Every structure is written in structure tokens, then in C-alpha cells.
Protein backbone atom coordinates (compact mmCIF):
# COMPACT_ATOMS: atom_id res chain seq x y z
CA MET A 1 20.08 26.43 18.81
CA SER A 2 17.54 23.99 17.94
CA ARG A 3 16.85 23.05 14.11
CA ARG A 4 13.27 21.46 13.23
CA ARG A 5 12.92 19.13 11.16
CA THR A 6 11.42 20.60 7.26
CA VAL A 7 8.49 17.97 7.09
CA SER A 8 7.33 16.89 3.85
CA PRO A 9 3.79 17.87 2.89
CA PHE A 10 4.50 13.80 1.57
CA GLU A 11 4.61 12.90 4.77
CA PRO A 12 1.34 12.28 6.42
CA ARG A 13 0.10 10.50 3.24
CA ARG A 14 3.39 8.23 4.15
CA ARG A 15 2.06 7.86 7.34
CA ALA A 16 -1.26 7.01 6.45
CA ARG A 17 0.13 4.34 4.43
CA ARG A 18 1.74 3.05 7.09
CA ARG A 19 -0.92 3.19 9.36
CA ALA A 20 -2.87 1.58 7.12
CA LEU A 21 -0.45 -1.07 6.70
CA GLN A 22 -0.39 -2.04 10.25
CA ALA A 23 -4.16 -2.14 10.34
CA LEU A 24 -4.82 -4.01 6.99
CA TYR A 25 -2.36 -6.70 8.29
CA GLN A 26 -4.07 -6.87 11.47
CA TRP A 27 -7.39 -7.38 9.31
CA GLN A 28 -5.91 -10.14 7.15
CA ILE A 29 -4.98 -11.54 11.13
CA ASN A 30 -8.09 -11.44 12.75
CA ASP A 31 -11.05 -10.76 9.78
CA ASP A 32 -12.47 -7.94 11.64
CA SER A 33 -14.65 -5.48 10.26
CA ALA A 34 -13.41 -2.44 8.55
CA ALA A 35 -14.99 -0.18 11.34
CA ALA A 36 -13.92 -2.22 13.66
CA ILE A 37 -9.96 -2.17 12.52
CA ILE A 38 -10.66 1.57 12.47
CA GLU A 39 -11.81 2.45 15.41
CA GLN A 40 -9.30 -0.21 17.17
CA PHE A 41 -6.13 2.24 15.40
CA ARG A 42 -8.00 5.20 16.03
CA GLU A 43 -8.07 4.18 20.37
CA GLU A 44 -4.31 2.47 20.54
CA GLN A 45 -2.26 4.47 17.95
CA SER A 46 -1.89 7.96 17.32
CA PHE A 47 -2.47 9.89 14.48
CA ASP A 48 -0.28 12.90 14.93
CA GLY A 49 0.79 14.48 11.61
CA VAL A 50 -1.06 11.19 9.53
CA ASP A 51 -3.66 11.98 6.81
CA SER A 52 -6.34 10.16 8.74
CA SER A 53 -9.04 10.17 6.16
CA TYR A 54 -6.72 8.79 3.29
CA PHE A 55 -5.96 6.24 6.35
CA GLU A 56 -9.64 5.21 6.29
CA THR A 57 -10.50 5.37 2.89
CA LEU A 58 -7.51 2.87 2.52
CA VAL A 59 -8.12 0.48 5.00
CA ARG A 60 -12.35 0.90 3.81
CA GLU A 61 -10.97 0.22 0.62
CA VAL A 62 -9.26 -2.86 0.69
CA VAL A 63 -11.03 -4.31 2.86
CA ALA A 64 -13.79 -4.00 0.89
CA ASN A 65 -12.56 -4.87 -2.50
CA ARG A 66 -10.13 -7.61 -1.17
CA ASP A 67 -11.21 -10.17 -3.91
CA ALA A 68 -10.82 -7.92 -6.63
CA LEU A 69 -7.45 -7.00 -6.02
CA ASP A 70 -5.76 -10.48 -5.25
CA GLU A 71 -7.52 -10.91 -8.61
CA ALA A 72 -5.83 -8.17 -10.22
CA LEU A 73 -2.59 -9.30 -8.31
CA ALA A 74 -2.75 -12.84 -8.81
CA PRO A 75 -1.29 -13.19 -12.41
CA HIS A 76 1.56 -10.90 -11.48
CA VAL A 77 2.45 -13.06 -8.50
CA VAL A 78 5.21 -14.99 -10.41
CA ARG A 79 6.61 -17.46 -7.55
CA VAL A 80 7.82 -20.76 -7.23
CA ASP A 81 6.13 -21.15 -3.96
CA ALA A 82 2.80 -19.59 -4.26
CA SER A 83 2.39 -18.89 -0.68
CA LEU A 84 2.55 -15.14 0.65
CA ASP A 85 3.83 -13.67 3.13
CA GLN A 86 1.38 -12.22 5.58
CA MET A 87 3.31 -8.82 5.41
CA GLU A 88 3.84 -8.98 1.80
CA ARG A 89 0.08 -9.57 1.04
CA ALA A 90 -0.99 -6.66 2.43
CA ILE A 91 1.64 -4.22 1.20
CA LEU A 92 0.72 -5.65 -2.40
CA ARG A 93 -3.15 -5.42 -1.54
CA LEU A 94 -2.36 -1.80 -0.40
CA GLY A 95 -0.53 -1.00 -3.59
CA ALA A 96 -2.93 -2.48 -5.75
CA CYS A 97 -5.94 -0.21 -4.03
CA GLU A 98 -3.82 3.05 -5.07
CA LEU A 99 -2.79 1.80 -8.38
CA ILE A 100 -7.02 0.93 -9.26
CA HIS A 101 -8.22 3.38 -7.09
CA HIS A 102 -6.07 6.62 -6.79
CA PRO A 103 -5.45 7.98 -10.36
CA GLU A 104 -4.78 11.08 -8.39
CA THR A 105 -0.96 9.73 -7.30
CA PRO A 106 1.26 8.75 -9.55
CA TYR A 107 2.66 5.56 -10.14
CA ARG A 108 5.88 5.63 -9.36
CA VAL A 109 5.10 7.38 -6.22
CA ILE A 110 2.79 4.15 -5.07
CA ILE A 111 5.43 1.66 -6.20
CA ASP A 112 8.11 3.72 -4.14
CA GLU A 113 5.75 3.65 -1.01
CA ALA A 114 5.41 0.03 -1.66
CA LEU A 115 8.81 -0.38 -0.97
CA GLU A 116 9.75 2.00 1.85
CA LEU A 117 7.06 -0.37 3.35
CA ALA A 118 8.18 -3.44 2.13
CA HIS A 119 12.04 -2.47 3.42
CA ARG A 120 10.45 -1.50 6.74
CA PHE A 121 8.11 -3.98 7.45
CA GLY A 122 9.08 -7.24 5.09
CA ALA A 123 11.22 -9.85 5.09
CA GLU A 124 15.07 -9.40 3.43
CA LYS A 125 13.87 -9.58 -0.24
CA ALA A 126 10.40 -8.88 -0.12
CA HIS A 127 11.38 -5.00 -1.64
CA THR A 128 12.23 -6.69 -4.76
CA PHE A 129 9.35 -9.51 -5.25
CA VAL A 130 6.86 -6.01 -4.15
CA ASN A 131 8.69 -4.51 -6.62
CA GLY A 132 8.15 -7.02 -9.00
CA VAL A 133 4.64 -7.31 -9.00
CA LEU A 134 3.10 -3.72 -8.59
CA ASP A 135 5.56 -2.92 -11.69
CA ARG A 136 3.94 -5.09 -14.03
CA LEU A 137 0.10 -3.98 -12.49
CA SER A 138 0.72 -0.58 -13.20
CA ARG A 139 2.17 -1.38 -16.38
CA GLU A 140 -1.62 -3.08 -16.74
CA THR A 141 -3.58 -0.09 -14.85
CA ARG A 142 -1.34 2.64 -15.22
CA ALA A 143 -0.04 1.91 -19.10
CA SER A 144 -1.25 5.40 -20.80
CA GLU A 145 0.05 7.34 -17.21
CA ARG A 146 3.39 4.79 -17.92
CA GLU A 147 3.67 5.66 -21.75
CA ALA A 148 3.29 9.41 -20.91
CA VAL A 149 6.06 9.57 -18.40
CA ASP A 150 8.63 7.51 -19.75
CA GLY A 151 7.71 6.50 -22.97
CA ASP A 152 7.06 2.99 -21.77
CA GLY A 153 4.22 0.70 -23.17
């Protein structure tokens, strides 16, 4: 008897974030338009089980708001070596986009998802760095939510 794995209702969004991260990484390297990247990914990647609408939204928002997202992240990127790995940059932009533009998603979910992406795609210690940056950004962008959820203030 075969057992079917129960798919989490959150899995389509998780997959959308993973596809968006890959698309954003490519965008950072090639500097194509959001539309071109989205079209290319739709042609080349499987979107089975992916919230494709959320994928498109994330890619379009990060591309459209690149400068504002980088500006929001800048004070929280505390590093002696100011250079960011391209994958870390893409993860941080994606996380910042969700923290700023998607208040319907709890900040803890956004940070957890970014950490999962950093573990999967980032350098060895990327998750620690990503966690610190997004946690500090969430204190600024989600102060009232943090206070309500965990008394953090």
C-alpha cells in the first residue's frame, strides 16, 4: 500500500518563494525585465504545486522596488565586508519585500521561509546573516505585530 504525503496548505507559497528566488537571482545577474524573467521561468520550469500568481507578484514587486528595498535593508546589513553574495542579496530582497508589502503574512513566517531558502541555496553561514538582517528589519517594519505576538518592543 502506498502512502501519499499530506501536502501542507503552505507548500504552494513556499514553492512560489523558491521559484521567485531563482528568478530574482537570475535577474540580478542578467538585469532583464520582470516580464522577461517571468516568461522565461514559465517556459523552462515546472509550476506544478506552485502559487504562480504569488511567484509573479514577488518577482514584479522586488524588481519594481529594488532601490527602496535596498535602502530599507542597508542600515541592517552589519558586515565588515560590505559586499553581499548574489544569493544572499536575492534572499534579503525577497524577505524585505514580503515584510514591507505583505502584512497578511506573519513576520515569523517570512523570516522562517527566508532562513529555509538561505539553508538550501546560500553559503554555509548565510542563514545566520539573513536571520539577523530580517529580524532587525522586522522590528522596524512590523513593530506593532511583533509587540502583539511576542511582547517584543
